[in-house]
Amino acid sequence: MKAKDKESAARKAKDLVQVAERAHKEAARKADAAEDVSKQAKSALKKAKKDFKVASKTAREARSAADEARSAYDKAAKRSAKAEAKLGKSRKKAASKKTAPAKEAADKPAAAKAAVAKPAAARKARRKQKASKARPKAVETRPSAEESAGAEDSFVLGESGADVQ
């Protein structure tokens, strides 16, 4: 029986080897699958890092643009405030000038009397008082198309320009 025991032990060992090979194959397949998942996870992580980097760069640029816009707005607000102040001053000045024409009217006759006394000063005063006249526009020397058509219609055969003299 010793031979039978050896054979049965050999079969058992052979069965165990087959079970071990199957387990090894299954483990290798699972390892490959895990490796693929790991590669996908790494590439996803890499892509996420790249996206994050781009997003942070865009955010930095947007922040700097916003800062520039804020400073430009502040400058514009200051300019606007200055302009408002000037406008207010000019309105006050204009309002005070509306009451001043009565004083100026009283001053003009005195200026005219002084101008009579001094002929050179009078000429200057008159020049200032006169409004400058607009120059007349150049008149067309050519007759318009309608006028020339009218002249052609009134042409008489018996008369010429030389005979009129």
N, C-alpha and C. Protein backbone atom coordinates (compact mmCIF):
# COMPACT_ATOMS: atom_id res chain seq x y z
N MET A 1 0.79 -1.18 0.00
CA MET A 1 0.00 0.00 0.00
C MET A 1 0.83 1.25 0.00
N LYS A 2 1.96 1.05 0.19
CA LYS A 2 2.83 2.21 0.20
C LYS A 2 2.84 2.87 -1.17
N ALA A 3 2.77 2.13 -2.20
CA ALA A 3 2.76 2.69 -3.54
C ALA A 3 1.48 3.47 -3.77
N LYS A 4 0.36 2.90 -3.28
CA LYS A 4 -0.92 3.59 -3.42
C LYS A 4 -0.90 4.90 -2.63
N ASP A 5 -0.32 4.88 -1.48
CA ASP A 5 -0.24 6.11 -0.68
C ASP A 5 0.60 7.16 -1.40
N LYS A 6 1.65 6.69 -2.03
CA LYS A 6 2.50 7.64 -2.76
C LYS A 6 1.74 8.24 -3.94
N GLU A 7 0.98 7.41 -4.64
CA GLU A 7 0.22 7.89 -5.80
C GLU A 7 -0.84 8.89 -5.36
N SER A 8 -1.53 8.56 -4.30
CA SER A 8 -2.58 9.47 -3.81
C SER A 8 -1.94 10.77 -3.32
N ALA A 9 -0.80 10.69 -2.69
CA ALA A 9 -0.11 11.91 -2.24
C ALA A 9 0.33 12.73 -3.44
N ALA A 10 0.77 12.04 -4.50
CA ALA A 10 1.19 12.73 -5.72
C ALA A 10 -0.02 13.42 -6.37
N ARG A 11 -1.17 12.71 -6.42
CA ARG A 11 -2.38 13.32 -6.99
C ARG A 11 -2.81 14.54 -6.17
N LYS A 12 -2.76 14.39 -4.87
CA LYS A 12 -3.14 15.51 -4.01
C LYS A 12 -2.21 16.70 -4.25
N ALA A 13 -0.92 16.42 -4.39
CA ALA A 13 0.05 17.47 -4.63
C ALA A 13 -0.21 18.13 -5.99
N LYS A 14 -0.55 17.28 -7.00
CA LYS A 14 -0.84 17.78 -8.34
C LYS A 14 -2.08 18.67 -8.29
N ASP A 15 -3.10 18.25 -7.57
CA ASP A 15 -4.32 19.05 -7.42
C ASP A 15 -4.01 20.39 -6.73
N LEU A 16 -3.19 20.31 -5.70
CA LEU A 16 -2.83 21.54 -5.00
C LEU A 16 -2.05 22.50 -5.92
N VAL A 17 -1.19 21.93 -6.76
CA VAL A 17 -0.43 22.76 -7.71
C VAL A 17 -1.39 23.43 -8.68
N GLN A 18 -2.38 22.69 -9.19
CA GLN A 18 -3.36 23.27 -10.12
C GLN A 18 -4.17 24.39 -9.44
N VAL A 19 -4.57 24.13 -8.20
CA VAL A 19 -5.31 25.16 -7.45
C VAL A 19 -4.43 26.39 -7.26
N ALA A 20 -3.18 26.17 -6.95
CA ALA A 20 -2.25 27.29 -6.74
C ALA A 20 -2.05 28.07 -8.05
N GLU A 21 -1.94 27.33 -9.20
CA GLU A 21 -1.78 28.00 -10.49
C GLU A 21 -3.02 28.84 -10.82
N ARG A 22 -4.20 28.28 -10.56
CA ARG A 22 -5.42 29.04 -10.81
C ARG A 22 -5.46 30.30 -9.94
N ALA A 23 -5.11 30.14 -8.70
CA ALA A 23 -5.10 31.27 -7.77
C ALA A 23 -4.09 32.32 -8.22
N HIS A 24 -2.95 31.84 -8.71
CA HIS A 24 -1.91 32.75 -9.19
C HIS A 24 -2.40 33.52 -10.41
N LYS A 25 -3.03 32.78 -11.36
CA LYS A 25 -3.57 33.44 -12.56
C LYS A 25 -4.62 34.50 -12.18
N GLU A 26 -5.49 34.14 -11.26
CA GLU A 26 -6.53 35.07 -10.81
C GLU A 26 -5.90 36.30 -10.14
N ALA A 27 -4.89 36.05 -9.33
CA ALA A 27 -4.21 37.15 -8.65
C ALA A 27 -3.49 38.05 -9.67
N ALA A 28 -2.87 37.43 -10.69
CA ALA A 28 -2.18 38.21 -11.73
C ALA A 28 -3.20 39.07 -12.51
N ARG A 29 -4.37 38.48 -12.81
CA ARG A 29 -5.41 39.22 -13.54
C ARG A 29 -5.89 40.41 -12.70
N LYS A 30 -6.12 40.17 -11.42
CA LYS A 30 -6.55 41.25 -10.53
C LYS A 30 -5.48 42.32 -10.40
N ALA A 31 -4.21 41.92 -10.38
CA ALA A 31 -3.10 42.89 -10.29
C ALA A 31 -3.05 43.76 -11.54
N ASP A 32 -3.25 43.12 -12.70
CA ASP A 32 -3.27 43.90 -13.96
C ASP A 32 -4.43 44.91 -13.96
N ALA A 33 -5.58 44.44 -13.52
CA ALA A 33 -6.75 45.33 -13.46
C ALA A 33 -6.47 46.49 -12.49
N ALA A 34 -5.88 46.19 -11.36
CA ALA A 34 -5.55 47.24 -10.38
C ALA A 34 -4.52 48.22 -10.96
N GLU A 35 -3.58 47.69 -11.73
CA GLU A 35 -2.57 48.55 -12.35
C GLU A 35 -3.22 49.49 -13.37
N ASP A 36 -4.17 48.96 -14.15
CA ASP A 36 -4.88 49.81 -15.12
C ASP A 36 -5.66 50.93 -14.40
N VAL A 37 -6.34 50.54 -13.33
CA VAL A 37 -7.08 51.54 -12.55
C VAL A 37 -6.13 52.58 -11.99
N SER A 38 -4.98 52.12 -11.52
CA SER A 38 -3.98 53.03 -10.96
C SER A 38 -3.50 54.01 -12.03
N LYS A 39 -3.24 53.51 -13.25
CA LYS A 39 -2.79 54.38 -14.35
C LYS A 39 -3.86 55.43 -14.68
N GLN A 40 -5.12 54.98 -14.73
CA GLN A 40 -6.22 55.91 -15.01
C GLN A 40 -6.33 56.97 -13.92
N ALA A 41 -6.16 56.53 -12.67
CA ALA A 41 -6.23 57.47 -11.56
C ALA A 41 -5.10 58.48 -11.63
N LYS A 42 -3.89 58.00 -12.00
CA LYS A 42 -2.75 58.89 -12.11
C LYS A 42 -2.97 59.91 -13.23
N SER A 43 -3.49 59.45 -14.38
CA SER A 43 -3.72 60.38 -15.49
C SER A 43 -4.82 61.39 -15.13
N ALA A 44 -5.84 60.92 -14.41
CA ALA A 44 -6.90 61.83 -13.97
C ALA A 44 -6.34 62.87 -13.00
N LEU A 45 -5.46 62.41 -12.09
CA LEU A 45 -4.84 63.33 -11.14
C LEU A 45 -3.98 64.36 -11.87
N LYS A 46 -3.23 63.87 -12.87
CA LYS A 46 -2.37 64.76 -13.64
C LYS A 46 -3.21 65.82 -14.36
N LYS A 47 -4.32 65.37 -14.96
CA LYS A 47 -5.22 66.29 -15.67
C LYS A 47 -5.83 67.28 -14.69
N ALA A 48 -6.22 66.79 -13.51
CA ALA A 48 -6.80 67.67 -12.50
C ALA A 48 -5.80 68.73 -12.04
N LYS A 49 -4.54 68.32 -11.88
CA LYS A 49 -3.50 69.27 -11.48
C LYS A 49 -3.33 70.34 -12.55
N LYS A 50 -3.33 69.89 -13.82
CA LYS A 50 -3.17 70.82 -14.94
C LYS A 50 -4.34 71.81 -14.97
N ASP A 51 -5.56 71.29 -14.81
CA ASP A 51 -6.74 72.14 -14.80
C ASP A 51 -6.70 73.13 -13.64
N PHE A 52 -6.26 72.64 -12.48
CA PHE A 52 -6.15 73.51 -11.32
C PHE A 52 -5.14 74.63 -11.57
N LYS A 53 -4.03 74.27 -12.21
CA LYS A 53 -2.99 75.25 -12.50
C LYS A 53 -3.52 76.33 -13.44
N VAL A 54 -4.24 75.89 -14.48
CA VAL A 54 -4.82 76.84 -15.44
C VAL A 54 -5.85 77.73 -14.75
N ALA A 55 -6.68 77.11 -13.91
CA ALA A 55 -7.72 77.87 -13.21
C ALA A 55 -7.11 78.89 -12.26
N SER A 56 -6.06 78.51 -11.56
CA SER A 56 -5.43 79.44 -10.62
C SER A 56 -4.75 80.58 -11.38
N LYS A 57 -4.16 80.27 -12.54
CA LYS A 57 -3.54 81.32 -13.36
C LYS A 57 -4.61 82.30 -13.85
N THR A 58 -5.73 81.76 -14.30
CA THR A 58 -6.83 82.61 -14.76
C THR A 58 -7.36 83.46 -13.61
N ALA A 59 -7.45 82.87 -12.43
CA ALA A 59 -7.93 83.61 -11.26
C ALA A 59 -6.97 84.74 -10.90
N ARG A 60 -5.66 84.47 -10.98
CA ARG A 60 -4.67 85.51 -10.70
C ARG A 60 -4.83 86.67 -11.68
N GLU A 61 -4.95 86.31 -12.99
CA GLU A 61 -5.11 87.35 -14.00
C GLU A 61 -6.39 88.15 -13.77
N ALA A 62 -7.46 87.45 -13.42
CA ALA A 62 -8.73 88.14 -13.15
C ALA A 62 -8.61 89.05 -11.94
N ARG A 63 -7.90 88.58 -10.93
CA ARG A 63 -7.69 89.40 -9.73
C ARG A 63 -6.92 90.67 -10.07
N SER A 64 -5.85 90.51 -10.87
CA SER A 64 -5.05 91.69 -11.24
C SER A 64 -5.87 92.64 -12.11
N ALA A 65 -6.68 92.08 -13.02
CA ALA A 65 -7.54 92.93 -13.84
C ALA A 65 -8.55 93.68 -12.98
N ALA A 66 -9.09 92.99 -11.98
CA ALA A 66 -10.04 93.63 -11.07
C ALA A 66 -9.37 94.74 -10.27
N ASP A 67 -8.14 94.49 -9.84
CA ASP A 67 -7.40 95.52 -9.10
C ASP A 67 -7.17 96.75 -9.97
N GLU A 68 -6.79 96.50 -11.24
CA GLU A 68 -6.57 97.61 -12.16
C GLU A 68 -7.87 98.38 -12.39
N ALA A 69 -8.95 97.64 -12.54
CA ALA A 69 -10.25 98.28 -12.75
C ALA A 69 -10.64 99.12 -11.54
N ARG A 70 -10.37 98.59 -10.34
CA ARG A 70 -10.69 99.35 -9.12
C ARG A 70 -9.89 100.65 -9.07
N SER A 71 -8.59 100.54 -9.39
CA SER A 71 -7.76 101.75 -9.34
C SER A 71 -8.21 102.75 -10.42
N ALA A 72 -8.55 102.23 -11.60
CA ALA A 72 -9.03 103.12 -12.66
C ALA A 72 -10.35 103.78 -12.25
N TYR A 73 -11.19 103.03 -11.59
CA TYR A 73 -12.47 103.58 -11.12
C TYR A 73 -12.22 104.68 -10.08
N ASP A 74 -11.28 104.41 -9.17
CA ASP A 74 -10.96 105.42 -8.15
C ASP A 74 -10.45 106.70 -8.80
N LYS A 75 -9.55 106.54 -9.80
CA LYS A 75 -9.04 107.71 -10.49
C LYS A 75 -10.16 108.46 -11.20
N ALA A 76 -11.03 107.71 -11.87
CA ALA A 76 -12.15 108.34 -12.58
C ALA A 76 -13.08 109.04 -11.60
N ALA A 77 -13.29 108.44 -10.44
CA ALA A 77 -14.14 109.07 -9.44
C ALA A 77 -13.53 110.38 -8.95
N LYS A 78 -12.21 110.39 -8.76
CA LYS A 78 -11.54 111.62 -8.33
C LYS A 78 -11.66 112.69 -9.40
N ARG A 79 -11.44 112.29 -10.68
CA ARG A 79 -11.58 113.25 -11.79
C ARG A 79 -13.00 113.79 -11.85
N SER A 80 -13.95 112.90 -11.68
CA SER A 80 -15.35 113.31 -11.71
C SER A 80 -15.66 114.29 -10.59
N ALA A 81 -15.13 114.01 -9.41
CA ALA A 81 -15.34 114.91 -8.28
C ALA A 81 -14.74 116.29 -8.57
N LYS A 82 -13.54 116.30 -9.17
CA LYS A 82 -12.90 117.56 -9.52
C LYS A 82 -13.76 118.32 -10.53
N ALA A 83 -14.25 117.58 -11.54
CA ALA A 83 -15.07 118.21 -12.57
C ALA A 83 -16.36 118.76 -11.97
N GLU A 84 -16.95 118.00 -11.05
CA GLU A 84 -18.17 118.47 -10.38
C GLU A 84 -17.88 119.75 -9.60
N ALA A 85 -16.73 119.78 -8.93
CA ALA A 85 -16.37 120.97 -8.16
C ALA A 85 -16.19 122.17 -9.09
N LYS A 86 -15.50 121.96 -10.21
CA LYS A 86 -15.29 123.04 -11.17
C LYS A 86 -16.63 123.51 -11.74
N LEU A 87 -17.49 122.55 -12.04
CA LEU A 87 -18.80 122.89 -12.58
C LEU A 87 -19.59 123.70 -11.57
N GLY A 88 -19.53 123.30 -10.32
CA GLY A 88 -20.22 124.05 -9.27
C GLY A 88 -19.69 125.47 -9.17
N LYS A 89 -18.36 125.61 -9.23
CA LYS A 89 -17.75 126.93 -9.16
C LYS A 89 -18.18 127.79 -10.35
N SER A 90 -18.16 127.17 -11.55
CA SER A 90 -18.53 127.94 -12.74
C SER A 90 -20.01 128.32 -12.70
N ARG A 91 -20.86 127.45 -12.15
CA ARG A 91 -22.28 127.81 -12.01
C ARG A 91 -22.45 128.98 -11.05
N LYS A 92 -21.72 128.93 -9.95
CA LYS A 92 -21.78 130.04 -8.99
C LYS A 92 -21.29 131.33 -9.64
N LYS A 93 -20.22 131.21 -10.42
CA LYS A 93 -19.66 132.38 -11.10
C LYS A 93 -20.65 132.93 -12.11
N ALA A 94 -21.30 132.02 -12.87
CA ALA A 94 -22.29 132.45 -13.85
C ALA A 94 -23.48 133.10 -13.17
N ALA A 95 -23.88 132.56 -12.03
CA ALA A 95 -25.00 133.15 -11.30
C ALA A 95 -24.63 134.54 -10.79
N SER A 96 -23.40 134.72 -10.37
CA SER A 96 -22.98 136.03 -9.89
C SER A 96 -22.82 137.01 -11.06
N LYS A 97 -22.49 136.53 -12.24
CA LYS A 97 -22.36 137.39 -13.43
C LYS A 97 -23.72 137.86 -13.91
N LYS A 98 -24.76 137.09 -13.67
CA LYS A 98 -26.10 137.50 -14.10
C LYS A 98 -26.52 138.78 -13.39
N THR A 99 -26.07 138.99 -12.19
CA THR A 99 -26.38 140.21 -11.47
C THR A 99 -25.41 141.33 -11.86
N ALA A 100 -24.26 141.01 -12.41
CA ALA A 100 -23.24 141.98 -12.75
C ALA A 100 -23.56 142.81 -14.00
N PRO A 101 -24.36 142.40 -15.00
CA PRO A 101 -24.58 143.23 -16.19
C PRO A 101 -25.08 144.63 -15.88
N ALA A 102 -25.82 144.81 -14.86
CA ALA A 102 -26.28 146.15 -14.49
C ALA A 102 -25.07 147.03 -14.17
N LYS A 103 -24.10 146.48 -13.50
CA LYS A 103 -22.88 147.23 -13.18
C LYS A 103 -22.10 147.52 -14.45
N GLU A 104 -22.02 146.54 -15.36
CA GLU A 104 -21.28 146.71 -16.61
C GLU A 104 -21.94 147.77 -17.48
N ALA A 105 -23.26 147.80 -17.51
CA ALA A 105 -23.98 148.79 -18.30
C ALA A 105 -23.65 150.20 -17.79
N ALA A 106 -23.53 150.34 -16.49
CA ALA A 106 -23.18 151.63 -15.91
C ALA A 106 -21.75 152.00 -16.25
N ASP A 107 -20.87 151.00 -16.37
CA ASP A 107 -19.46 151.25 -16.68
C ASP A 107 -19.25 151.60 -18.15
N LYS A 108 -20.07 151.12 -19.06
CA LYS A 108 -19.87 151.34 -20.50
C LYS A 108 -19.93 152.81 -20.90
N PRO A 109 -20.90 153.58 -20.41
CA PRO A 109 -20.89 155.00 -20.81
C PRO A 109 -19.61 155.71 -20.36
N ALA A 110 -19.09 155.34 -19.23
CA ALA A 110 -17.85 155.95 -18.76
C ALA A 110 -16.71 155.58 -19.70
N ALA A 111 -16.71 154.34 -20.18
CA ALA A 111 -15.68 153.91 -21.12
C ALA A 111 -15.83 154.66 -22.43
N ALA A 112 -17.06 154.93 -22.85
CA ALA A 112 -17.29 155.66 -24.09
C ALA A 112 -16.80 157.10 -23.96
N LYS A 113 -17.04 157.73 -22.79
CA LYS A 113 -16.56 159.10 -22.56
C LYS A 113 -15.04 159.16 -22.58
N ALA A 114 -14.42 158.16 -22.01
CA ALA A 114 -12.97 158.10 -22.01
C ALA A 114 -12.46 157.89 -23.42
N ALA A 115 -13.19 157.16 -24.24
CA ALA A 115 -12.78 156.89 -25.61
C ALA A 115 -12.85 158.15 -26.45
N VAL A 116 -13.79 159.03 -26.18
CA VAL A 116 -13.90 160.30 -26.91
C VAL A 116 -12.69 161.15 -26.62
N ALA A 117 -12.21 161.11 -25.42
CA ALA A 117 -11.07 161.91 -25.03
C ALA A 117 -9.80 161.45 -25.71
N LYS A 118 -9.68 160.15 -25.94
CA LYS A 118 -8.47 159.60 -26.56
C LYS A 118 -8.86 158.91 -27.86
N PRO A 119 -8.51 159.47 -29.03
CA PRO A 119 -8.92 158.86 -30.30
C PRO A 119 -8.36 157.45 -30.52
N ALA A 120 -7.14 157.18 -30.13
CA ALA A 120 -6.56 155.84 -30.31
C ALA A 120 -7.29 154.84 -29.43
N ALA A 121 -7.59 155.24 -28.23
CA ALA A 121 -8.32 154.37 -27.31
C ALA A 121 -9.74 154.15 -27.81
N ALA A 122 -10.31 155.19 -28.43
CA ALA A 122 -11.67 155.08 -28.96
C ALA A 122 -11.73 154.04 -30.07
N ARG A 123 -10.72 154.06 -30.93
CA ARG A 123 -10.69 153.07 -32.02
C ARG A 123 -10.63 151.65 -31.46
N LYS A 124 -9.79 151.46 -30.45
CA LYS A 124 -9.68 150.13 -29.84
C LYS A 124 -10.98 149.72 -29.19
N ALA A 125 -11.63 150.66 -28.50
CA ALA A 125 -12.90 150.36 -27.83
C ALA A 125 -13.96 149.99 -28.86
N ARG A 126 -13.99 150.73 -29.99
CA ARG A 126 -14.97 150.42 -31.04
C ARG A 126 -14.71 149.04 -31.63
N ARG A 127 -13.45 148.74 -31.83
CA ARG A 127 -13.11 147.41 -32.38
C ARG A 127 -13.61 146.30 -31.46
N LYS A 128 -13.44 146.52 -30.17
CA LYS A 128 -13.90 145.50 -29.21
C LYS A 128 -15.41 145.41 -29.19
N GLN A 129 -16.09 146.57 -29.32
CA GLN A 129 -17.55 146.57 -29.26
C GLN A 129 -18.18 145.96 -30.50
N LYS A 130 -17.56 146.17 -31.67
CA LYS A 130 -18.13 145.65 -32.91
C LYS A 130 -17.99 144.13 -32.94
N ALA A 131 -19.04 143.52 -33.39
CA ALA A 131 -18.96 142.07 -33.57
C ALA A 131 -18.30 141.80 -34.90
N SER A 132 -17.45 140.84 -34.96
CA SER A 132 -16.79 140.53 -36.23
C SER A 132 -17.81 139.96 -37.19
N LYS A 133 -17.77 140.46 -38.42
CA LYS A 133 -18.73 139.99 -39.42
C LYS A 133 -18.18 138.75 -40.10
N ALA A 134 -19.08 137.85 -40.38
CA ALA A 134 -18.65 136.64 -41.09
C ALA A 134 -18.39 137.00 -42.54
N ARG A 135 -17.35 136.47 -43.10
CA ARG A 135 -17.04 136.74 -44.51
C ARG A 135 -18.06 136.05 -45.39
N PRO A 136 -18.46 136.72 -46.47
CA PRO A 136 -19.41 136.05 -47.38
C PRO A 136 -18.71 134.93 -48.12
N LYS A 137 -19.46 133.90 -48.41
CA LYS A 137 -18.88 132.77 -49.12
C LYS A 137 -18.67 133.15 -50.57
N ALA A 138 -17.71 132.48 -51.21
CA ALA A 138 -17.43 132.75 -52.62
C ALA A 138 -18.64 132.35 -53.46
N VAL A 139 -19.02 133.24 -54.38
CA VAL A 139 -20.19 133.00 -55.22
C VAL A 139 -19.75 132.17 -56.41
N GLU A 140 -20.58 131.24 -56.82
CA GLU A 140 -20.23 130.40 -57.97
C GLU A 140 -20.18 131.25 -59.23
N THR A 141 -19.11 131.08 -60.02
CA THR A 141 -18.99 131.84 -61.28
C THR A 141 -19.67 131.10 -62.41
N ARG A 142 -19.75 129.78 -62.31
CA ARG A 142 -20.43 128.99 -63.34
C ARG A 142 -21.92 129.01 -63.06
N PRO A 143 -22.73 129.17 -64.09
CA PRO A 143 -24.17 129.09 -63.87
C PRO A 143 -24.55 127.64 -63.60
N SER A 144 -25.60 127.48 -62.82
CA SER A 144 -26.03 126.13 -62.50
C SER A 144 -26.61 125.46 -63.74
N ALA A 145 -26.85 124.17 -63.65
CA ALA A 145 -27.33 123.41 -64.81
C ALA A 145 -28.69 123.92 -65.27
N GLU A 146 -29.56 124.34 -64.35
CA GLU A 146 -30.89 124.83 -64.72
C GLU A 146 -30.77 126.16 -65.46
N GLU A 147 -29.87 127.05 -64.99
CA GLU A 147 -29.72 128.35 -65.64
C GLU A 147 -29.13 128.20 -67.04
N SER A 148 -28.16 127.30 -67.19
CA SER A 148 -27.55 127.13 -68.52
C SER A 148 -28.55 126.52 -69.48
N ALA A 149 -29.42 125.62 -68.98
CA ALA A 149 -30.46 125.04 -69.84
C ALA A 149 -31.43 126.12 -70.28
N GLY A 150 -31.76 127.04 -69.39
CA GLY A 150 -32.66 128.14 -69.73
C GLY A 150 -32.04 129.06 -70.76
N ALA A 151 -30.74 129.30 -70.69
CA ALA A 151 -30.06 130.15 -71.65
C ALA A 151 -30.04 129.51 -73.02
N GLU A 152 -29.88 128.21 -73.06
CA GLU A 152 -29.88 127.52 -74.36
C GLU A 152 -31.25 127.57 -75.00
N ASP A 153 -32.30 127.49 -74.23
CA ASP A 153 -33.66 127.53 -74.77
C ASP A 153 -33.98 128.89 -75.36
N SER A 154 -33.42 129.95 -74.81
CA SER A 154 -33.75 131.29 -75.27
C SER A 154 -32.83 131.75 -76.41
N PHE A 155 -32.03 130.90 -76.94
CA PHE A 155 -31.12 131.26 -78.02
C PHE A 155 -31.90 131.52 -79.30
N VAL A 156 -31.57 132.64 -79.93
CA VAL A 156 -32.22 133.01 -81.19
C VAL A 156 -31.21 132.89 -82.29
N LEU A 157 -31.60 132.34 -83.45
CA LEU A 157 -30.67 132.06 -84.54
C LEU A 157 -30.05 133.30 -85.15
N GLY A 158 -30.74 134.33 -85.26
CA GLY A 158 -30.26 135.51 -85.98
C GLY A 158 -29.25 136.31 -85.20
N GLU A 159 -29.18 136.18 -83.92
CA GLU A 159 -28.30 137.00 -83.11
C GLU A 159 -27.08 136.20 -82.66
N SER A 160 -25.94 136.88 -82.60
CA SER A 160 -24.75 136.26 -82.06
C SER A 160 -24.15 137.20 -81.03
N GLY A 161 -23.21 136.71 -80.25
CA GLY A 161 -22.59 137.52 -79.19
C GLY A 161 -21.79 138.66 -79.78
N ALA A 162 -21.19 138.51 -80.94
CA ALA A 162 -20.35 139.54 -81.55
C ALA A 162 -21.21 140.69 -82.09
N ASP A 163 -22.39 140.43 -82.55
CA ASP A 163 -23.27 141.45 -83.11
C ASP A 163 -23.85 142.35 -82.05
N VAL A 164 -23.97 141.87 -80.85
CA VAL A 164 -24.59 142.64 -79.76
C VAL A 164 -23.77 143.86 -79.43
N GLN A 165 -22.46 143.79 -79.59
CA GLN A 165 -21.62 144.91 -79.22
C GLN A 165 -21.91 146.03 -80.14
